């Protein structure tokens, strides 16, 4: 075991295990991440620097630096010249939860409980990707809207929506800035009852990172979703990037059959 003393004994364990094969920088990173996520290091707090961490844990400054850089890459802190490593994660804010087994209801609740900022909106010719997703002919126009959702004034999602012009023409830009999209679709006679979606991990682009107040290339949760009405018509395509520290998807699985042939399926 490697031990070191320091001024933050109430937050960090000050010990690393050199026998379990885990990289030392990774062990430091794990302690720092837990301390930030728990709020032991609150928003705007300055973390111990490379020199202090190296002395505290008995490691090289290169090892300490890598731990801090990895923490910054996760979007939890920002490395600032002249100020040190500053916490940008606010542990006091709640985490928004979505649900696979009740997706549309979860989305409606999020729309009603969060604040929405309309960044831009315009009608434009549909791209090939949008045409395929929405079943449009080449050249058909769509409304492209970029919005940012906030929870208690902190951004947690960046949304880009594409809606066929025939539907988008039924509501105003003011409606789009104030009303959940699912409600607008319902008012337009295009209520969504089905969603096809893919989920993946991604790195935040500079524009998304700026909107979500995270570091460029920080991990984000990406969702690409196509909503359909009762007739199977695609009524909206949406690309969403969620802050990985602010959003969780939940799924309830039900076991179908027993034994080796058992299959776990999401509950409807």
C-alpha atoms as a PDB file:
ATOM      1  CA  UNK A   1       0.000   0.000   0.000  1.00  0.00           C
ATOM      2  CA  UNK A   2       1.126   3.532  -0.733  1.00  0.00           C
ATOM      3  CA  UNK A   3       0.050   6.128   1.789  1.00  0.00           C
ATOM      4  CA  UNK A   4       0.335   9.899   1.927  1.00  0.00           C
ATOM      5  CA  UNK A   5      -1.093  12.549   4.142  1.00  0.00           C
ATOM      6  CA  UNK A   6      -2.638  15.781   2.971  1.00  0.00           C
ATOM      7  CA  UNK A   7      -5.097  18.537   3.821  1.00  0.00           C
ATOM      8  CA  UNK A   8      -8.121  16.758   2.297  1.00  0.00           C
ATOM      9  CA  UNK A   9      -8.181  13.658   4.492  1.00  0.00           C
ATOM     10  CA  UNK A  10     -11.919  14.042   4.994  1.00  0.00           C
ATOM     11  CA  UNK A  11     -12.492  13.687   1.246  1.00  0.00           C
ATOM     12  CA  UNK A  12      -9.781  11.420  -0.190  1.00  0.00           C
ATOM     13  CA  UNK A  13      -8.626   8.104   1.239  1.00  0.00           C
ATOM     14  CA  UNK A  14      -4.955   8.970   0.685  1.00  0.00           C
ATOM     15  CA  UNK A  15      -4.132   5.367  -0.144  1.00  0.00           C
ATOM     16  CA  UNK A  16      -3.544   3.391  -3.304  1.00  0.00           C
ATOM     17  CA  UNK A  17      -3.346  -0.357  -3.783  1.00  0.00           C
ATOM     18  CA  UNK A  18      -0.203  -1.270  -5.696  1.00  0.00           C
ATOM     19  CA  UNK A  19      -0.966  -4.987  -5.630  1.00  0.00           C
ATOM     20  CA  UNK A  20      -4.297  -5.245  -7.462  1.00  0.00           C
ATOM     21  CA  UNK A  21      -2.970  -4.353 -10.908  1.00  0.00           C
ATOM     22  CA  UNK A  22      -5.176  -1.280 -11.297  1.00  0.00           C
ATOM     23  CA  UNK A  23      -3.292   1.753 -12.691  1.00  0.00           C
ATOM     24  CA  UNK A  24      -2.407   4.252  -9.993  1.00  0.00           C
ATOM     25  CA  UNK A  25      -3.794   7.167 -12.015  1.00  0.00           C
ATOM     26  CA  UNK A  26      -7.057   5.245 -12.344  1.00  0.00           C
ATOM     27  CA  UNK A  27      -7.314   4.761  -8.589  1.00  0.00           C
ATOM     28  CA  UNK A  28      -6.758   8.483  -8.015  1.00  0.00           C
ATOM     29  CA  UNK A  29      -9.279   9.268 -10.733  1.00  0.00           C
ATOM     30  CA  UNK A  30     -11.860   6.999  -9.093  1.00  0.00           C
ATOM     31  CA  UNK A  31     -11.493   8.739  -5.732  1.00  0.00           C
ATOM     32  CA  UNK A  32     -11.701  12.204  -7.253  1.00  0.00           C
ATOM     33  CA  UNK A  33     -14.712  11.277  -9.387  1.00  0.00           C
ATOM     34  CA  UNK A  34     -16.613   9.874  -6.413  1.00  0.00           C
ATOM     35  CA  UNK A  35     -15.792  12.980  -4.363  1.00  0.00           C
ATOM     36  CA  UNK A  36     -17.097  15.271  -7.124  1.00  0.00           C
ATOM     37  CA  UNK A  37     -20.245  13.224  -7.839  1.00  0.00           C
ATOM     38  CA  UNK A  38     -21.092  13.031  -4.139  1.00  0.00           C
ATOM     39  CA  UNK A  39     -20.678  16.769  -3.668  1.00  0.00           C
ATOM     40  CA  UNK A  40     -17.687  16.517  -1.347  1.00  0.00           C
ATOM     41  CA  UNK A  41     -16.081  18.796  -3.901  1.00  0.00           C
ATOM     42  CA  UNK A  42     -19.046  21.062  -4.793  1.00  0.00           C
ATOM     43  CA  UNK A  43     -19.610  23.192  -7.875  1.00  0.00           C
ATOM     44  CA  UNK A  44     -16.776  25.729  -8.427  1.00  0.00           C
ATOM     45  CA  UNK A  45     -14.523  24.045  -5.824  1.00  0.00           C
ATOM     46  CA  UNK A  46     -10.831  23.807  -6.715  1.00  0.00           C
ATOM     47  CA  UNK A  47      -9.363  20.318  -6.545  1.00  0.00           C
ATOM     48  CA  UNK A  48      -5.894  19.569  -5.183  1.00  0.00           C
ATOM     49  CA  UNK A  49      -3.247  20.289  -7.804  1.00  0.00           C
ATOM     50  CA  UNK A  50      -0.763  17.920  -9.407  1.00  0.00           C
ATOM     51  CA  UNK A  51       1.929  18.619  -6.809  1.00  0.00           C
ATOM     52  CA  UNK A  52      -0.407  18.105  -3.866  1.00  0.00           C
ATOM     53  CA  UNK A  53      -1.847  14.899  -5.297  1.00  0.00           C
ATOM     54  CA  UNK A  54       1.588  13.486  -6.142  1.00  0.00           C
ATOM     55  CA  UNK A  55       2.780  14.115  -2.580  1.00  0.00           C
ATOM     56  CA  UNK A  56      -0.455  12.907  -1.041  1.00  0.00           C
ATOM     57  CA  UNK A  57      -0.551   9.591  -2.908  1.00  0.00           C
ATOM     58  CA  UNK A  58       3.184   9.055  -3.327  1.00  0.00           C
ATOM     59  CA  UNK A  59       3.078   9.080  -7.143  1.00  0.00           C
ATOM     60  CA  UNK A  60       4.745  11.075  -9.884  1.00  0.00           C
ATOM     61  CA  UNK A  61       3.281  14.381 -11.044  1.00  0.00           C
ATOM     62  CA  UNK A  62       2.725  12.784 -14.446  1.00  0.00           C
ATOM     63  CA  UNK A  63       0.432  10.216 -12.808  1.00  0.00           C
ATOM     64  CA  UNK A  64      -1.427  12.914 -10.893  1.00  0.00           C
ATOM     65  CA  UNK A  65      -1.742  15.037 -14.024  1.00  0.00           C
ATOM     66  CA  UNK A  66      -3.218  12.147 -15.999  1.00  0.00           C
ATOM     67  CA  UNK A  67      -5.854  11.556 -13.291  1.00  0.00           C
ATOM     68  CA  UNK A  68      -6.905  15.213 -13.419  1.00  0.00           C
ATOM     69  CA  UNK A  69      -6.924  15.255 -17.222  1.00  0.00           C
ATOM     70  CA  UNK A  70      -9.106  12.130 -17.322  1.00  0.00           C
ATOM     71  CA  UNK A  71     -11.499  13.731 -14.841  1.00  0.00           C
ATOM     72  CA  UNK A  72     -11.719  16.777 -17.104  1.00  0.00           C
ATOM     73  CA  UNK A  73     -12.380  14.506 -20.095  1.00  0.00           C
ATOM     74  CA  UNK A  74     -15.420  13.151 -18.244  1.00  0.00           C
ATOM     75  CA  UNK A  75     -16.827  16.688 -18.121  1.00  0.00           C
ATOM     76  CA  UNK A  76     -16.802  16.896 -14.315  1.00  0.00           C
ATOM     77  CA  UNK A  77     -14.047  19.501 -13.950  1.00  0.00           C
ATOM     78  CA  UNK A  78     -12.318  22.100 -16.067  1.00  0.00           C
ATOM     79  CA  UNK A  79      -8.576  22.653 -16.119  1.00  0.00           C
ATOM     80  CA  UNK A  80      -8.086  26.423 -15.977  1.00  0.00           C
ATOM     81  CA  UNK A  81      -4.762  28.177 -16.312  1.00  0.00           C
ATOM     82  CA  UNK A  82      -4.068  30.240 -13.229  1.00  0.00           C
ATOM     83  CA  UNK A  83      -6.975  28.746 -11.244  1.00  0.00           C
ATOM     84  CA  UNK A  84      -6.285  25.024 -11.236  1.00  0.00           C
ATOM     85  CA  UNK A  85      -8.825  22.248 -11.666  1.00  0.00           C
ATOM     86  CA  UNK A  86     -12.321  23.635 -11.032  1.00  0.00           C
ATOM     87  CA  UNK A  87     -15.453  21.527 -10.496  1.00  0.00           C
ATOM     88  CA  UNK A  88     -18.163  22.193 -13.105  1.00  0.00           C
ATOM     89  CA  UNK A  89     -20.483  19.379 -11.986  1.00  0.00           C
ATOM     90  CA  UNK A  90     -23.270  20.397  -9.617  1.00  0.00           C
ATOM     91  CA  UNK A  91     -24.075  17.448  -7.360  1.00  0.00           C
ATOM     92  CA  UNK A  92     -26.997  19.377  -5.871  1.00  0.00           C
ATOM     93  CA  UNK A  93     -28.976  19.091  -9.107  1.00  0.00           C
ATOM     94  CA  UNK A  94     -31.192  16.036  -9.659  1.00  0.00           C
ATOM     95  CA  UNK A  95     -30.584  13.495 -12.406  1.00  0.00           C
ATOM     96  CA  UNK A  96     -33.308  13.241 -15.067  1.00  0.00           C
ATOM     97  CA  UNK A  97     -34.473   9.680 -15.663  1.00  0.00           C
ATOM     98  CA  UNK A  98     -36.090   8.322 -18.805  1.00  0.00           C
ATOM     99  CA  UNK A  99     -37.773   4.969 -19.153  1.00  0.00           C
ATOM    100  CA  UNK A 100     -37.787   2.419 -21.950  1.00  0.00           C
ATOM    101  CA  UNK A 101     -41.021   0.841 -20.735  1.00  0.00           C
ATOM    102  CA  UNK A 102     -42.891   4.163 -20.649  1.00  0.00           C
ATOM    103  CA  UNK A 103     -40.887   6.292 -23.056  1.00  0.00           C
ATOM    104  CA  UNK A 104     -43.408   8.817 -24.328  1.00  0.00           C
ATOM    105  CA  UNK A 105     -44.827   9.524 -20.883  1.00  0.00           C
ATOM    106  CA  UNK A 106     -41.290  10.075 -19.571  1.00  0.00           C
ATOM    107  CA  UNK A 107     -40.556  12.485 -22.386  1.00  0.00           C
ATOM    108  CA  UNK A 108     -43.752  14.412 -21.652  1.00  0.00           C
ATOM    109  CA  UNK A 109     -42.856  14.700 -17.978  1.00  0.00           C
ATOM    110  CA  UNK A 110     -39.386  15.978 -18.896  1.00  0.00           C
ATOM    111  CA  UNK A 111     -40.927  18.543 -21.190  1.00  0.00           C
ATOM    112  CA  UNK A 112     -43.195  19.859 -18.466  1.00  0.00           C
ATOM    113  CA  UNK A 113     -40.628  19.892 -15.668  1.00  0.00           C
ATOM    114  CA  UNK A 114     -37.683  21.405 -17.495  1.00  0.00           C
ATOM    115  CA  UNK A 115     -36.926  24.785 -19.027  1.00  0.00           C
ATOM    116  CA  UNK A 116     -36.479  25.053 -22.762  1.00  0.00           C
ATOM    117  CA  UNK A 117     -34.301  27.462 -24.746  1.00  0.00           C
ATOM    118  CA  UNK A 118     -34.915  27.758 -28.470  1.00  0.00           C
ATOM    119  CA  UNK A 119     -31.510  28.330 -30.063  1.00  0.00           C
ATOM    120  CA  UNK A 120     -32.509  28.391 -33.735  1.00  0.00           C
ATOM    121  CA  UNK A 121     -35.327  27.375 -36.079  1.00  0.00           C
ATOM    122  CA  UNK A 122     -35.625  27.403 -39.876  1.00  0.00           C
ATOM    123  CA  UNK A 123     -37.291  25.665 -42.805  1.00  0.00           C
ATOM    124  CA  UNK A 124     -34.818  23.894 -45.065  1.00  0.00           C
ATOM    125  CA  UNK A 125     -34.658  21.195 -47.753  1.00  0.00           C
ATOM    126  CA  UNK A 126     -34.446  17.767 -46.158  1.00  0.00           C
ATOM    127  CA  UNK A 127     -31.145  15.923 -46.253  1.00  0.00           C
ATOM    128  CA  UNK A 128     -30.908  12.310 -47.420  1.00  0.00           C
ATOM    129  CA  UNK A 129     -30.754  11.101 -43.812  1.00  0.00           C
ATOM    130  CA  UNK A 130     -33.881  13.047 -42.882  1.00  0.00           C
ATOM    131  CA  UNK A 131     -35.716  11.926 -46.025  1.00  0.00           C
ATOM    132  CA  UNK A 132     -35.077   8.281 -45.180  1.00  0.00           C
ATOM    133  CA  UNK A 133     -36.071   8.669 -41.526  1.00  0.00           C
ATOM    134  CA  UNK A 134     -39.255  10.636 -42.251  1.00  0.00           C
ATOM    135  CA  UNK A 135     -40.212   8.945 -45.517  1.00  0.00           C
ATOM    136  CA  UNK A 136     -40.005  12.184 -47.520  1.00  0.00           C
ATOM    137  CA  UNK A 137     -39.355  12.779 -51.195  1.00  0.00           C
ATOM    138  CA  UNK A 138     -36.168  14.473 -52.297  1.00  0.00           C
ATOM    139  CA  UNK A 139     -36.397  18.219 -51.843  1.00  0.00           C
ATOM    140  CA  UNK A 140     -39.290  18.165 -49.384  1.00  0.00           C
ATOM    141  CA  UNK A 141     -38.773  20.755 -46.685  1.00  0.00           C
ATOM    142  CA  UNK A 142     -38.543  20.234 -42.970  1.00  0.00           C
ATOM    143  CA  UNK A 143     -38.376  22.474 -39.967  1.00  0.00           C
ATOM    144  CA  UNK A 144     -34.998  22.183 -38.250  1.00  0.00           C
ATOM    145  CA  UNK A 145     -35.042  23.412 -34.655  1.00  0.00           C
ATOM    146  CA  UNK A 146     -32.184  23.433 -32.168  1.00  0.00           C
ATOM    147  CA  UNK A 147     -33.080  23.635 -28.494  1.00  0.00           C
ATOM    148  CA  UNK A 148     -31.387  23.247 -25.110  1.00  0.00           C
ATOM    149  CA  UNK A 149     -33.196  21.902 -22.064  1.00  0.00           C
ATOM    150  CA  UNK A 150     -32.287  23.002 -18.551  1.00  0.00           C
ATOM    151  CA  UNK A 151     -33.131  21.647 -15.140  1.00  0.00           C
ATOM    152  CA  UNK A 152     -32.894  24.239 -12.393  1.00  0.00           C
ATOM    153  CA  UNK A 153     -31.016  26.516 -14.830  1.00  0.00           C
ATOM    154  CA  UNK A 154     -28.360  23.877 -15.580  1.00  0.00           C
ATOM    155  CA  UNK A 155     -28.279  22.477 -19.158  1.00  0.00           C
ATOM    156  CA  UNK A 156     -28.683  18.741 -19.539  1.00  0.00           C
ATOM    157  CA  UNK A 157     -29.714  18.090 -23.168  1.00  0.00           C
ATOM    158  CA  UNK A 158     -29.092  19.480 -26.650  1.00  0.00           C
ATOM    159  CA  UNK A 159     -31.858  18.675 -29.142  1.00  0.00           C
ATOM    160  CA  UNK A 160     -32.078  19.021 -32.904  1.00  0.00           C
ATOM    161  CA  UNK A 161     -35.514  18.161 -34.317  1.00  0.00           C
ATOM    162  CA  UNK A 162     -36.691  17.701 -37.886  1.00  0.00           C
ATOM    163  CA  UNK A 163     -40.433  17.937 -38.564  1.00  0.00           C
ATOM    164  CA  UNK A 164     -42.185  17.811 -41.973  1.00  0.00           C
ATOM    165  CA  UNK A 165     -43.229  21.274 -43.125  1.00  0.00           C
ATOM    166  CA  UNK A 166     -46.897  20.244 -43.281  1.00  0.00           C
ATOM    167  CA  UNK A 167     -46.856  19.589 -39.528  1.00  0.00           C
ATOM    168  CA  UNK A 168     -44.506  22.388 -38.480  1.00  0.00           C
ATOM    169  CA  UNK A 169     -46.656  24.971 -40.228  1.00  0.00           C
ATOM    170  CA  UNK A 170     -49.409  24.372 -37.658  1.00  0.00           C
ATOM    171  CA  UNK A 171     -47.476  25.975 -34.778  1.00  0.00           C
ATOM    172  CA  UNK A 172     -45.462  29.137 -34.289  1.00  0.00           C
ATOM    173  CA  UNK A 173     -41.891  29.761 -33.243  1.00  0.00           C
ATOM    174  CA  UNK A 174     -43.256  31.037 -29.942  1.00  0.00           C
ATOM    175  CA  UNK A 175     -45.118  27.743 -29.460  1.00  0.00           C
ATOM    176  CA  UNK A 176     -41.906  25.864 -30.151  1.00  0.00           C
ATOM    177  CA  UNK A 177     -40.076  27.868 -27.495  1.00  0.00           C
ATOM    178  CA  UNK A 178     -42.708  27.322 -24.801  1.00  0.00           C
ATOM    179  CA  UNK A 179     -44.509  24.041 -25.443  1.00  0.00           C
ATOM    180  CA  UNK A 180     -43.267  20.424 -25.388  1.00  0.00           C
ATOM    181  CA  UNK A 181     -42.905  19.011 -28.889  1.00  0.00           C
ATOM    182  CA  UNK A 182     -45.154  16.040 -28.103  1.00  0.00           C
ATOM    183  CA  UNK A 183     -47.943  18.450 -27.251  1.00  0.00           C
ATOM    184  CA  UNK A 184     -47.426  20.386 -30.493  1.00  0.00           C
ATOM    185  CA  UNK A 185     -47.553  17.172 -32.513  1.00  0.00           C
ATOM    186  CA  UNK A 186     -50.790  16.172 -30.795  1.00  0.00           C
ATOM    187  CA  UNK A 187     -52.348  19.576 -31.514  1.00  0.00           C
ATOM    188  CA  UNK A 188     -51.363  19.177 -35.166  1.00  0.00           C
ATOM    189  CA  UNK A 189     -53.225  15.878 -35.414  1.00  0.00           C
ATOM    190  CA  UNK A 190     -49.953  13.951 -35.511  1.00  0.00           C
ATOM    191  CA  UNK A 191     -49.855  12.539 -31.985  1.00  0.00           C
ATOM    192  CA  UNK A 192     -46.884  10.224 -31.522  1.00  0.00           C
ATOM    193  CA  UNK A 193     -47.714   6.701 -30.365  1.00  0.00           C
ATOM    194  CA  UNK A 194     -44.563   4.840 -31.394  1.00  0.00           C
ATOM    195  CA  UNK A 195     -40.845   5.570 -31.251  1.00  0.00           C
ATOM    196  CA  UNK A 196     -37.920   3.916 -33.014  1.00  0.00           C
ATOM    197  CA  UNK A 197     -34.598   4.880 -31.526  1.00  0.00           C
ATOM    198  CA  UNK A 198     -30.922   4.095 -31.233  1.00  0.00           C
ATOM    199  CA  UNK A 199     -28.761   4.917 -28.258  1.00  0.00           C
ATOM    200  CA  UNK A 200     -25.002   5.238 -28.151  1.00  0.00           C
ATOM    201  CA  UNK A 201     -22.079   6.889 -26.428  1.00  0.00           C
ATOM    202  CA  UNK A 202     -20.515   9.865 -28.176  1.00  0.00           C
ATOM    203  CA  UNK A 203     -18.028  12.660 -27.668  1.00  0.00           C
ATOM    204  CA  UNK A 204     -19.438  16.168 -27.437  1.00  0.00           C
ATOM    205  CA  UNK A 205     -18.747  18.392 -30.434  1.00  0.00           C
ATOM    206  CA  UNK A 206     -17.566  21.936 -29.675  1.00  0.00           C
ATOM    207  CA  UNK A 207     -21.079  23.310 -30.260  1.00  0.00           C
ATOM    208  CA  UNK A 208     -22.768  20.697 -28.077  1.00  0.00           C
ATOM    209  CA  UNK A 209     -20.102  21.051 -25.377  1.00  0.00           C
ATOM    210  CA  UNK A 210     -20.611  24.811 -25.242  1.00  0.00           C
ATOM    211  CA  UNK A 211     -24.397  24.445 -25.016  1.00  0.00           C
ATOM    212  CA  UNK A 212     -24.176  21.824 -22.254  1.00  0.00           C
ATOM    213  CA  UNK A 213     -21.380  23.602 -20.361  1.00  0.00           C
ATOM    214  CA  UNK A 214     -18.985  20.660 -20.572  1.00  0.00           C
ATOM    215  CA  UNK A 215     -15.529  20.191 -22.022  1.00  0.00           C
ATOM    216  CA  UNK A 216     -15.202  19.480 -25.770  1.00  0.00           C
ATOM    217  CA  UNK A 217     -15.077  15.723 -26.443  1.00  0.00           C
ATOM    218  CA  UNK A 218     -16.577  14.999 -23.013  1.00  0.00           C
ATOM    219  CA  UNK A 219     -18.759  11.857 -23.053  1.00  0.00           C
ATOM    220  CA  UNK A 220     -22.424  12.382 -23.853  1.00  0.00           C
ATOM    221  CA  UNK A 221     -25.380  10.065 -24.254  1.00  0.00           C
ATOM    222  CA  UNK A 222     -26.691  10.225 -27.830  1.00  0.00           C
ATOM    223  CA  UNK A 223     -30.242   9.293 -28.813  1.00  0.00           C
ATOM    224  CA  UNK A 224     -31.579   9.296 -32.374  1.00  0.00           C
ATOM    225  CA  UNK A 225     -35.343   8.871 -32.307  1.00  0.00           C
ATOM    226  CA  UNK A 226     -38.081   8.735 -34.957  1.00  0.00           C
ATOM    227  CA  UNK A 227     -41.645   9.292 -33.730  1.00  0.00           C
ATOM    228  CA  UNK A 228     -44.641   7.849 -35.575  1.00  0.00           C
ATOM    229  CA  UNK A 229     -48.382   8.447 -35.391  1.00  0.00           C
ATOM    230  CA  UNK A 230     -51.174   5.853 -35.305  1.00  0.00           C
ATOM    231  CA  UNK A 231     -50.964   5.394 -39.063  1.00  0.00           C
ATOM    232  CA  UNK A 232     -47.249   4.621 -38.900  1.00  0.00           C
ATOM    233  CA  UNK A 233     -46.337   7.962 -40.459  1.00  0.00           C
ATOM    234  CA  UNK A 234     -43.045   9.420 -39.265  1.00  0.00           C
ATOM    235  CA  UNK A 235     -43.805  12.807 -37.707  1.00  0.00           C
ATOM    236  CA  UNK A 236     -40.474  13.772 -36.173  1.00  0.00           C
ATOM    237  CA  UNK A 237     -36.781  12.910 -36.240  1.00  0.00           C
ATOM    238  CA  UNK A 238     -34.751  14.055 -33.265  1.00  0.00           C
ATOM    239  CA  UNK A 239     -31.057  13.945 -32.377  1.00  0.00           C
ATOM    240  CA  UNK A 240     -30.481  14.411 -28.652  1.00  0.00           C
ATOM    241  CA  UNK A 241     -27.248  14.687 -26.719  1.00  0.00           C
ATOM    242  CA  UNK A 242     -27.608  14.291 -22.951  1.00  0.00           C
ATOM    243  CA  UNK A 243     -25.001  15.174 -20.374  1.00  0.00           C
ATOM    244  CA  UNK A 244     -23.799  11.789 -19.172  1.00  0.00           C
ATOM    245  CA  UNK A 245     -23.834  12.998 -15.568  1.00  0.00           C
ATOM    246  CA  UNK A 246     -27.376  14.361 -15.789  1.00  0.00           C
ATOM    247  CA  UNK A 247     -29.394  11.686 -17.554  1.00  0.00           C
ATOM    248  CA  UNK A 248     -30.106   8.001 -16.996  1.00  0.00           C
ATOM    249  CA  UNK A 249     -32.234   5.584 -18.938  1.00  0.00           C
ATOM    250  CA  UNK A 250     -34.095   2.955 -16.948  1.00  0.00           C
ATOM    251  CA  UNK A 251     -35.402  -0.366 -18.256  1.00  0.00           C
ATOM    252  CA  UNK A 252     -37.567  -3.040 -16.645  1.00  0.00           C
ATOM    253  CA  UNK A 253     -37.066  -6.544 -18.036  1.00  0.00           C
ATOM    254  CA  UNK A 254     -39.429  -9.479 -17.758  1.00  0.00           C
ATOM    255  CA  UNK A 255     -38.292 -13.070 -18.079  1.00  0.00           C
ATOM    256  CA  UNK A 256     -40.115 -14.957 -20.827  1.00  0.00           C
ATOM    257  CA  UNK A 257     -40.030 -18.780 -20.378  1.00  0.00           C
ATOM    258  CA  UNK A 258     -37.617 -20.754 -18.217  1.00  0.00           C
ATOM    259  CA  UNK A 259     -34.374 -22.652 -18.576  1.00  0.00           C
ATOM    260  CA  UNK A 260     -31.869 -22.263 -21.400  1.00  0.00           C
ATOM    261  CA  UNK A 261     -34.525 -20.833 -23.728  1.00  0.00           C
ATOM    262  CA  UNK A 262     -35.437 -17.987 -21.362  1.00  0.00           C
ATOM    263  CA  UNK A 263     -35.543 -14.558 -22.991  1.00  0.00           C
ATOM    264  CA  UNK A 264     -35.530 -11.250 -21.135  1.00  0.00           C
ATOM    265  CA  UNK A 265     -37.722  -8.612 -22.746  1.00  0.00           C
ATOM    266  CA  UNK A 266     -38.470  -5.022 -21.862  1.00  0.00           C
ATOM    267  CA  UNK A 267     -41.908  -4.551 -20.357  1.00  0.00           C
ATOM    268  CA  UNK A 268     -44.478  -2.536 -22.357  1.00  0.00           C
END
